Amino acid sequence: MAEGKFDITRKFVRVMRTRPNGLIEFEFAVGDPDVAAELVMPKAAFDEFCKANQVELLTDAKSEPADADASDADFHWNLHQATHQRFR
């Protein structure tokens, strides 16, 4: 994110997956989509949450930030990845 562009009125949601039991795993960010909290909610609560926060849905799958260099690569992960793949 470019300096000076942090806008706390913008809120972002990136859906990571829908679990077989219907729970939605997603990331929620305020101001900067690269700094997010991971949340899990039932579909109805998720829909209400998104509406109440007037979020911008991010449809791209998050892999690594564009400005990440190789020395920081070990620090770019989320909880979903940590529970489903083995780390060094």
PDB file of N, CA and C in Angstrom:
ATOM      1  N   MET A   1       0.836  -1.180   0.000  1.00  0.00           N
ATOM      2  CA  MET A   1       0.000   0.000   0.000  1.00  0.00           C
ATOM      3  C   MET A   1       0.881   1.244   0.000  1.00  0.00           C
ATOM      4  N   ALA A   2       0.547   2.220  -0.812  1.00  0.00           N
ATOM      5  CA  ALA A   2       1.321   3.449  -0.897  1.00  0.00           C
ATOM      6  C   ALA A   2       1.122   4.295   0.363  1.00  0.00           C
ATOM      7  N   GLU A   3       2.188   4.976   0.771  1.00  0.00           N
ATOM      8  CA  GLU A   3       2.102   5.814   1.962  1.00  0.00           C
ATOM      9  C   GLU A   3       1.056   6.907   1.762  1.00  0.00           C
ATOM     10  N   GLY A   4       0.348   7.235   2.840  1.00  0.00           N
ATOM     11  CA  GLY A   4      -0.643   8.294   2.787  1.00  0.00           C
ATOM     12  C   GLY A   4      -1.986   7.854   2.242  1.00  0.00           C
ATOM     13  N   LYS A   5      -2.132   6.621   1.858  1.00  0.00           N
ATOM     14  CA  LYS A   5      -3.380   6.125   1.276  1.00  0.00           C
ATOM     15  C   LYS A   5      -4.225   5.326   2.269  1.00  0.00           C
ATOM     16  N   PHE A   6      -3.826   5.266   3.530  1.00  0.00           N
ATOM     17  CA  PHE A   6      -4.569   4.499   4.529  1.00  0.00           C
ATOM     18  C   PHE A   6      -5.875   5.225   4.828  1.00  0.00           C
ATOM     19  N   ASP A   7      -6.992   4.566   4.590  1.00  0.00           N
ATOM     20  CA  ASP A   7      -8.310   5.173   4.742  1.00  0.00           C
ATOM     21  C   ASP A   7      -9.163   4.276   5.636  1.00  0.00           C
ATOM     22  N   ILE A   8      -9.383   4.710   6.876  1.00  0.00           N
ATOM     23  CA  ILE A   8     -10.118   3.865   7.825  1.00  0.00           C
ATOM     24  C   ILE A   8     -11.596   3.709   7.480  1.00  0.00           C
ATOM     25  N   THR A   9     -12.087   4.441   6.508  1.00  0.00           N
ATOM     26  CA  THR A   9     -13.480   4.274   6.109  1.00  0.00           C
ATOM     27  C   THR A   9     -13.650   3.106   5.140  1.00  0.00           C
ATOM     28  N   ARG A  10     -12.531   2.613   4.582  1.00  0.00           N
ATOM     29  CA  ARG A  10     -12.602   1.477   3.660  1.00  0.00           C
ATOM     30  C   ARG A  10     -12.383   0.183   4.443  1.00  0.00           C
ATOM     31  N   LYS A  11     -13.279  -0.771   4.234  1.00  0.00           N
ATOM     32  CA  LYS A  11     -13.198  -2.067   4.904  1.00  0.00           C
ATOM     33  C   LYS A  11     -13.242  -3.155   3.843  1.00  0.00           C
ATOM     34  N   PHE A  12     -12.450  -4.193   4.066  1.00  0.00           N
ATOM     35  CA  PHE A  12     -12.270  -5.232   3.051  1.00  0.00           C
ATOM     36  C   PHE A  12     -12.531  -6.618   3.625  1.00  0.00           C
ATOM     37  N   VAL A  13     -13.090  -7.486   2.791  1.00  0.00           N
ATOM     38  CA  VAL A  13     -13.280  -8.888   3.138  1.00  0.00           C
ATOM     39  C   VAL A  13     -12.738  -9.729   1.994  1.00  0.00           C
ATOM     40  N   ARG A  14     -11.947 -10.728   2.361  1.00  0.00           N
ATOM     41  CA  ARG A  14     -11.448 -11.711   1.395  1.00  0.00           C
ATOM     42  C   ARG A  14     -11.874 -13.083   1.911  1.00  0.00           C
ATOM     43  N   VAL A  15     -12.780 -13.749   1.202  1.00  0.00           N
ATOM     44  CA  VAL A  15     -13.240 -15.076   1.606  1.00  0.00           C
ATOM     45  C   VAL A  15     -12.143 -16.082   1.278  1.00  0.00           C
ATOM     46  N   MET A  16     -11.753 -16.842   2.299  1.00  0.00           N
ATOM     47  CA  MET A  16     -10.714 -17.845   2.122  1.00  0.00           C
ATOM     48  C   MET A  16     -11.330 -19.181   1.692  1.00  0.00           C
ATOM     49  N   ARG A  17     -12.414 -19.564   2.366  1.00  0.00           N
ATOM     50  CA  ARG A  17     -13.114 -20.795   1.980  1.00  0.00           C
ATOM     51  C   ARG A  17     -14.410 -20.913   2.761  1.00  0.00           C
ATOM     52  N   THR A  18     -15.277 -21.789   2.276  1.00  0.00           N
ATOM     53  CA  THR A  18     -16.495 -22.163   2.994  1.00  0.00           C
ATOM     54  C   THR A  18     -16.294 -23.593   3.466  1.00  0.00           C
ATOM     55  N   ARG A  19     -16.390 -23.784   4.756  1.00  0.00           N
ATOM     56  CA  ARG A  19     -16.206 -25.122   5.319  1.00  0.00           C
ATOM     57  C   ARG A  19     -17.407 -26.003   4.998  1.00  0.00           C
ATOM     58  N   PRO A  20     -17.213 -27.331   5.050  1.00  0.00           N
ATOM     59  CA  PRO A  20     -18.330 -28.248   4.784  1.00  0.00           C
ATOM     60  C   PRO A  20     -19.533 -28.026   5.712  1.00  0.00           C
ATOM     61  N   ASN A  21     -19.287 -27.520   6.926  1.00  0.00           N
ATOM     62  CA  ASN A  21     -20.396 -27.274   7.867  1.00  0.00           C
ATOM     63  C   ASN A  21     -21.056 -25.912   7.646  1.00  0.00           C
ATOM     64  N   GLY A  22     -20.649 -25.190   6.585  1.00  0.00           N
ATOM     65  CA  GLY A  22     -21.287 -23.930   6.230  1.00  0.00           C
ATOM     66  C   GLY A  22     -20.626 -22.684   6.791  1.00  0.00           C
ATOM     67  N   LEU A  23     -19.634 -22.840   7.645  1.00  0.00           N
ATOM     68  CA  LEU A  23     -18.949 -21.673   8.186  1.00  0.00           C
ATOM     69  C   LEU A  23     -18.068 -21.036   7.113  1.00  0.00           C
ATOM     70  N   ILE A  24     -18.015 -19.714   7.128  1.00  0.00           N
ATOM     71  CA  ILE A  24     -17.214 -18.959   6.171  1.00  0.00           C
ATOM     72  C   ILE A  24     -15.921 -18.526   6.849  1.00  0.00           C
ATOM     73  N   GLU A  25     -14.781 -18.898   6.287  1.00  0.00           N
ATOM     74  CA  GLU A  25     -13.478 -18.417   6.757  1.00  0.00           C
ATOM     75  C   GLU A  25     -13.120 -17.225   5.893  1.00  0.00           C
ATOM     76  N   PHE A  26     -12.780 -16.098   6.537  1.00  0.00           N
ATOM     77  CA  PHE A  26     -12.456 -14.911   5.764  1.00  0.00           C
ATOM     78  C   PHE A  26     -11.488 -14.004   6.502  1.00  0.00           C
ATOM     79  N   GLU A  27     -10.903 -13.082   5.746  1.00  0.00           N
ATOM     80  CA  GLU A  27     -10.037 -12.058   6.310  1.00  0.00           C
ATOM     81  C   GLU A  27     -10.795 -10.739   6.267  1.00  0.00           C
ATOM     82  N   PHE A  28     -10.680  -9.971   7.343  1.00  0.00           N
ATOM     83  CA  PHE A  28     -11.313  -8.659   7.436  1.00  0.00           C
ATOM     84  C   PHE A  28     -10.233  -7.628   7.697  1.00  0.00           C
ATOM     85  N   ALA A  29     -10.240  -6.567   6.905  1.00  0.00           N
ATOM     86  CA  ALA A  29      -9.226  -5.522   7.045  1.00  0.00           C
ATOM     87  C   ALA A  29      -9.882  -4.152   7.021  1.00  0.00           C
ATOM     88  N   VAL A  30      -9.269  -3.223   7.737  1.00  0.00           N
ATOM     89  CA  VAL A  30      -9.707  -1.834   7.738  1.00  0.00           C
ATOM     90  C   VAL A  30      -8.549  -0.981   7.230  1.00  0.00           C
ATOM     91  N   GLY A  31      -8.798  -0.222   6.173  1.00  0.00           N
ATOM     92  CA  GLY A  31      -7.806   0.712   5.667  1.00  0.00           C
ATOM     93  C   GLY A  31      -6.777   0.125   4.730  1.00  0.00           C
ATOM     94  N   ASP A  32      -6.318  -1.067   4.987  1.00  0.00           N
ATOM     95  CA  ASP A  32      -5.278  -1.707   4.176  1.00  0.00           C
ATOM     96  C   ASP A  32      -5.585  -3.196   4.068  1.00  0.00           C
ATOM     97  N   PRO A  33      -5.916  -3.691   2.880  1.00  0.00           N
ATOM     98  CA  PRO A  33      -6.300  -5.102   2.749  1.00  0.00           C
ATOM     99  C   PRO A  33      -5.188  -6.092   3.067  1.00  0.00           C
ATOM    100  N   ASP A  34      -3.937  -5.616   3.165  1.00  0.00           N
ATOM    101  CA  ASP A  34      -2.828  -6.513   3.478  1.00  0.00           C
ATOM    102  C   ASP A  34      -2.630  -6.726   4.975  1.00  0.00           C
ATOM    103  N   VAL A  35      -3.359  -5.986   5.802  1.00  0.00           N
ATOM    104  CA  VAL A  35      -3.271  -6.137   7.261  1.00  0.00           C
ATOM    105  C   VAL A  35      -4.661  -6.552   7.731  1.00  0.00           C
ATOM    106  N   ALA A  36      -4.846  -7.856   7.909  1.00  0.00           N
ATOM    107  CA  ALA A  36      -6.188  -8.385   8.142  1.00  0.00           C
ATOM    108  C   ALA A  36      -6.245  -9.311   9.347  1.00  0.00           C
ATOM    109  N   ALA A  37      -7.443  -9.398   9.905  1.00  0.00           N
ATOM    110  CA  ALA A  37      -7.738 -10.378  10.948  1.00  0.00           C
ATOM    111  C   ALA A  37      -8.505 -11.520  10.294  1.00  0.00           C
ATOM    112  N   GLU A  38      -8.208 -12.731  10.727  1.00  0.00           N
ATOM    113  CA  GLU A  38      -8.908 -13.895  10.190  1.00  0.00           C
ATOM    114  C   GLU A  38     -10.098 -14.209  11.081  1.00  0.00           C
ATOM    115  N   LEU A  39     -11.260 -14.405  10.468  1.00  0.00           N
ATOM    116  CA  LEU A  39     -12.501 -14.654  11.197  1.00  0.00           C
ATOM    117  C   LEU A  39     -13.233 -15.840  10.584  1.00  0.00           C
ATOM    118  N   VAL A  40     -14.127 -16.428  11.382  1.00  0.00           N
ATOM    119  CA  VAL A  40     -14.984 -17.521  10.927  1.00  0.00           C
ATOM    120  C   VAL A  40     -16.385 -17.237  11.448  1.00  0.00           C
ATOM    121  N   MET A  41     -17.383 -17.292  10.551  1.00  0.00           N
ATOM    122  CA  MET A  41     -18.777 -17.025  10.929  1.00  0.00           C
ATOM    123  C   MET A  41     -19.718 -17.901  10.116  1.00  0.00           C
ATOM    124  N   PRO A  42     -20.907 -18.164  10.681  1.00  0.00           N
ATOM    125  CA  PRO A  42     -21.945 -18.806   9.867  1.00  0.00           C
ATOM    126  C   PRO A  42     -22.344 -17.860   8.728  1.00  0.00           C
ATOM    127  N   LYS A  43     -22.869 -18.401   7.640  1.00  0.00           N
ATOM    128  CA  LYS A  43     -23.213 -17.612   6.445  1.00  0.00           C
ATOM    129  C   LYS A  43     -24.106 -16.424   6.763  1.00  0.00           C
ATOM    130  N   ALA A  44     -25.151 -16.614   7.559  1.00  0.00           N
ATOM    131  CA  ALA A  44     -26.076 -15.513   7.868  1.00  0.00           C
ATOM    132  C   ALA A  44     -25.361 -14.393   8.622  1.00  0.00           C
ATOM    133  N   ALA A  45     -24.519 -14.753   9.579  1.00  0.00           N
ATOM    134  CA  ALA A  45     -23.771 -13.751  10.346  1.00  0.00           C
ATOM    135  C   ALA A  45     -22.757 -13.049   9.447  1.00  0.00           C
ATOM    136  N   PHE A  46     -22.127 -13.795   8.553  1.00  0.00           N
ATOM    137  CA  PHE A  46     -21.170 -13.220   7.608  1.00  0.00           C
ATOM    138  C   PHE A  46     -21.853 -12.181   6.719  1.00  0.00           C
ATOM    139  N   ASP A  47     -23.013 -12.536   6.180  1.00  0.00           N
ATOM    140  CA  ASP A  47     -23.753 -11.604   5.319  1.00  0.00           C
ATOM    141  C   ASP A  47     -24.118 -10.335   6.078  1.00  0.00           C
ATOM    142  N   GLU A  48     -24.568 -10.488   7.316  1.00  0.00           N
ATOM    143  CA  GLU A  48     -24.932  -9.338   8.151  1.00  0.00           C
ATOM    144  C   GLU A  48     -23.697  -8.487   8.471  1.00  0.00           C
ATOM    145  N   PHE A  49     -22.584  -9.147   8.785  1.00  0.00           N
ATOM    146  CA  PHE A  49     -21.326  -8.470   9.082  1.00  0.00           C
ATOM    147  C   PHE A  49     -20.882  -7.624   7.888  1.00  0.00           C
ATOM    148  N   CYS A  50     -20.917  -8.210   6.701  1.00  0.00           N
ATOM    149  CA  CYS A  50     -20.504  -7.500   5.484  1.00  0.00           C
ATOM    150  C   CYS A  50     -21.400  -6.302   5.211  1.00  0.00           C
ATOM    151  N   LYS A  51     -22.692  -6.480   5.394  1.00  0.00           N
ATOM    152  CA  LYS A  51     -23.634  -5.381   5.166  1.00  0.00           C
ATOM    153  C   LYS A  51     -23.429  -4.266   6.186  1.00  0.00           C
ATOM    154  N   ALA A  52     -23.295  -4.622   7.458  1.00  0.00           N
ATOM    155  CA  ALA A  52     -23.129  -3.624   8.525  1.00  0.00           C
ATOM    156  C   ALA A  52     -21.836  -2.823   8.355  1.00  0.00           C
ATOM    157  N   ASN A  53     -20.785  -3.486   7.840  1.00  0.00           N
ATOM    158  CA  ASN A  53     -19.495  -2.820   7.680  1.00  0.00           C
ATOM    159  C   ASN A  53     -19.274  -2.243   6.287  1.00  0.00           C
ATOM    160  N   GLN A  54     -20.236  -2.431   5.398  1.00  0.00           N
ATOM    161  CA  GLN A  54     -20.148  -1.937   4.025  1.00  0.00           C
ATOM    162  C   GLN A  54     -18.780  -2.268   3.413  1.00  0.00           C
ATOM    163  N   VAL A  55     -18.465  -3.550   3.416  1.00  0.00           N
ATOM    164  CA  VAL A  55     -17.149  -4.011   2.986  1.00  0.00           C
ATOM    165  C   VAL A  55     -17.006  -4.029   1.472  1.00  0.00           C
ATOM    166  N   GLU A  56     -15.758  -3.991   1.045  1.00  0.00           N
ATOM    167  CA  GLU A  56     -15.406  -4.236  -0.349  1.00  0.00           C
ATOM    168  C   GLU A  56     -14.920  -5.675  -0.413  1.00  0.00           C
ATOM    169  N   LEU A  57     -15.583  -6.491  -1.227  1.00  0.00           N
ATOM    170  CA  LEU A  57     -15.170  -7.885  -1.364  1.00  0.00           C
ATOM    171  C   LEU A  57     -13.955  -7.969  -2.274  1.00  0.00           C
ATOM    172  N   LEU A  58     -12.921  -8.630  -1.798  1.00  0.00           N
ATOM    173  CA  LEU A  58     -11.715  -8.854  -2.581  1.00  0.00           C
ATOM    174  C   LEU A  58     -11.817 -10.259  -3.152  1.00  0.00           C
ATOM    175  N   THR A  59     -11.785 -10.361  -4.447  1.00  0.00           N
ATOM    176  CA  THR A  59     -11.987 -11.663  -5.083  1.00  0.00           C
ATOM    177  C   THR A  59     -10.693 -12.384  -5.407  1.00  0.00           C
ATOM    178  N   ASP A  60      -9.570 -11.671  -5.357  1.00  0.00           N
ATOM    179  CA  ASP A  60      -8.296 -12.316  -5.660  1.00  0.00           C
ATOM    180  C   ASP A  60      -7.856 -13.199  -4.504  1.00  0.00           C
ATOM    181  N   ALA A  61      -7.284 -14.332  -4.842  1.00  0.00           N
ATOM    182  CA  ALA A  61      -6.734 -15.209  -3.806  1.00  0.00           C
ATOM    183  C   ALA A  61      -5.434 -14.596  -3.325  1.00  0.00           C
ATOM    184  N   LYS A  62      -5.295 -14.484  -2.034  1.00  0.00           N
ATOM    185  CA  LYS A  62      -4.091 -13.854  -1.477  1.00  0.00           C
ATOM    186  C   LYS A  62      -2.995 -14.898  -1.375  1.00  0.00           C
ATOM    187  N   SER A  63      -1.898 -14.636  -2.032  1.00  0.00           N
ATOM    188  CA  SER A  63      -0.764 -15.546  -1.916  1.00  0.00           C
ATOM    189  C   SER A  63       0.343 -14.854  -1.153  1.00  0.00           C
ATOM    190  N   GLU A  64       0.958 -13.855  -1.756  1.00  0.00           N
ATOM    191  CA  GLU A  64       1.993 -13.077  -1.089  1.00  0.00           C
ATOM    192  C   GLU A  64       1.833 -11.633  -1.492  1.00  0.00           C
ATOM    193  N   PRO A  65       2.133 -10.698  -0.605  1.00  0.00           N
ATOM    194  CA  PRO A  65       2.111  -9.295  -0.990  1.00  0.00           C
ATOM    195  C   PRO A  65       3.095  -9.048  -2.131  1.00  0.00           C
ATOM    196  N   ALA A  66       2.744  -8.134  -3.016  1.00  0.00           N
ATOM    197  CA  ALA A  66       3.580  -7.869  -4.190  1.00  0.00           C
ATOM    198  C   ALA A  66       4.959  -7.369  -3.814  1.00  0.00           C
ATOM    199  N   ASP A  67       5.083  -6.667  -2.684  1.00  0.00           N
ATOM    200  CA  ASP A  67       6.371  -6.098  -2.309  1.00  0.00           C
ATOM    201  C   ASP A  67       7.184  -7.010  -1.389  1.00  0.00           C
ATOM    202  N   ALA A  68       6.735  -8.222  -1.191  1.00  0.00           N
ATOM    203  CA  ALA A  68       7.461  -9.152  -0.317  1.00  0.00           C
ATOM    204  C   ALA A  68       8.733  -9.612  -1.013  1.00  0.00           C
ATOM    205  N   ASP A  69       9.833  -9.620  -0.259  1.00  0.00           N
ATOM    206  CA  ASP A  69      11.061 -10.154  -0.836  1.00  0.00           C
ATOM    207  C   ASP A  69      11.340 -11.525  -0.235  1.00  0.00           C
ATOM    208  N   ALA A  70      12.302 -12.216  -0.786  1.00  0.00           N
ATOM    209  CA  ALA A  70      12.579 -13.593  -0.374  1.00  0.00           C
ATOM    210  C   ALA A  70      12.928 -13.707   1.100  1.00  0.00           C
ATOM    211  N   SER A  71      13.570 -12.699   1.680  1.00  0.00           N
ATOM    212  CA  SER A  71      13.957 -12.773   3.090  1.00  0.00           C
ATOM    213  C   SER A  71      12.750 -12.725   4.024  1.00  0.00           C
ATOM    214  N   ASP A  72      11.628 -12.170   3.563  1.00  0.00           N
ATOM    215  CA  ASP A  72      10.416 -12.083   4.381  1.00  0.00           C
ATOM    216  C   ASP A  72       9.412 -13.192   4.077  1.00  0.00           C
ATOM    217  N   ALA A  73       9.698 -14.041   3.105  1.00  0.00           N
ATOM    218  CA  ALA A  73       8.732 -15.028   2.636  1.00  0.00           C
ATOM    219  C   ALA A  73       8.226 -15.945   3.750  1.00  0.00           C
ATOM    220  N   ASP A  74       9.064 -16.261   4.730  1.00  0.00           N
ATOM    221  CA  ASP A  74       8.642 -17.154   5.819  1.00  0.00           C
ATOM    222  C   ASP A  74       7.601 -16.527   6.725  1.00  0.00           C
ATOM    223  N   PHE A  75       7.405 -15.228   6.655  1.00  0.00           N
ATOM    224  CA  PHE A  75       6.480 -14.535   7.547  1.00  0.00           C
ATOM    225  C   PHE A  75       5.146 -14.218   6.895  1.00  0.00           C
ATOM    226  N   HIS A  76       4.962 -14.567   5.634  1.00  0.00           N
ATOM    227  CA  HIS A  76       3.719 -14.284   4.921  1.00  0.00           C
ATOM    228  C   HIS A  76       2.872 -15.555   4.836  1.00  0.00           C
ATOM    229  N   TRP A  77       2.004 -15.731   5.816  1.00  0.00           N
ATOM    230  CA  TRP A  77       1.122 -16.888   5.866  1.00  0.00           C
ATOM    231  C   TRP A  77      -0.104 -16.510   6.689  1.00  0.00           C
ATOM    232  N   ASN A  78      -1.130 -17.341   6.617  1.00  0.00           N
ATOM    233  CA  ASN A  78      -2.319 -17.121   7.438  1.00  0.00           C
ATOM    234  C   ASN A  78      -2.627 -18.393   8.218  1.00  0.00           C
ATOM    235  N   LEU A  79      -3.584 -18.329   9.113  1.00  0.00           N
ATOM    236  CA  LEU A  79      -3.896 -19.487   9.951  1.00  0.00           C
ATOM    237  C   LEU A  79      -4.405 -20.669   9.142  1.00  0.00           C
ATOM    238  N   HIS A  80      -5.151 -20.403   8.090  1.00  0.00           N
ATOM    239  CA  HIS A  80      -5.638 -21.494   7.241  1.00  0.00           C
ATOM    240  C   HIS A  80      -4.450 -22.265   6.659  1.00  0.00           C
ATOM    241  N   GLN A  81      -3.460 -21.547   6.156  1.00  0.00           N
ATOM    242  CA  GLN A  81      -2.273 -22.206   5.616  1.00  0.00           C
ATOM    243  C   GLN A  81      -1.538 -22.975   6.711  1.00  0.00           C
ATOM    244  N   ALA A  82      -1.451 -22.401   7.898  1.00  0.00           N
ATOM    245  CA  ALA A  82      -0.722 -23.042   8.996  1.00  0.00           C
ATOM    246  C   ALA A  82      -1.359 -24.356   9.418  1.00  0.00           C
ATOM    247  N   THR A  83      -2.665 -24.472   9.267  1.00  0.00           N
ATOM    248  CA  THR A  83      -3.338 -25.703   9.681  1.00  0.00           C
ATOM    249  C   THR A  83      -3.444 -26.731   8.556  1.00  0.00           C
ATOM    250  N   HIS A  84      -3.096 -26.330   7.327  1.00  0.00           N
ATOM    251  CA  HIS A  84      -3.249 -27.252   6.209  1.00  0.00           C
ATOM    252  C   HIS A  84      -1.973 -27.548   5.421  1.00  0.00           C
ATOM    253  N   GLN A  85      -0.873 -26.978   5.824  1.00  0.00           N
ATOM    254  CA  GLN A  85       0.388 -27.303   5.153  1.00  0.00           C
ATOM    255  C   GLN A  85       1.525 -27.275   6.187  1.00  0.00           C
ATOM    256  N   ARG A  86       2.545 -27.960   5.856  1.00  0.00           N
ATOM    257  CA  ARG A  86       3.688 -28.053   6.755  1.00  0.00           C
ATOM    258  C   ARG A  86       4.684 -26.928   6.468  1.00  0.00           C
ATOM    259  N   PHE A  87       5.154 -26.284   7.519  1.00  0.00           N
ATOM    260  CA  PHE A  87       6.132 -25.219   7.364  1.00  0.00           C
ATOM    261  C   PHE A  87       7.506 -25.721   7.717  1.00  0.00           C
ATOM    262  N   ARG A  88       8.520 -25.021   7.268  1.00  0.00           N
ATOM    263  CA  ARG A  88       9.899 -25.399   7.565  1.00  0.00           C
ATOM    264  C   ARG A  88      10.186 -25.277   9.030  1.00  0.00           C
TER     265      ARG A  88
END
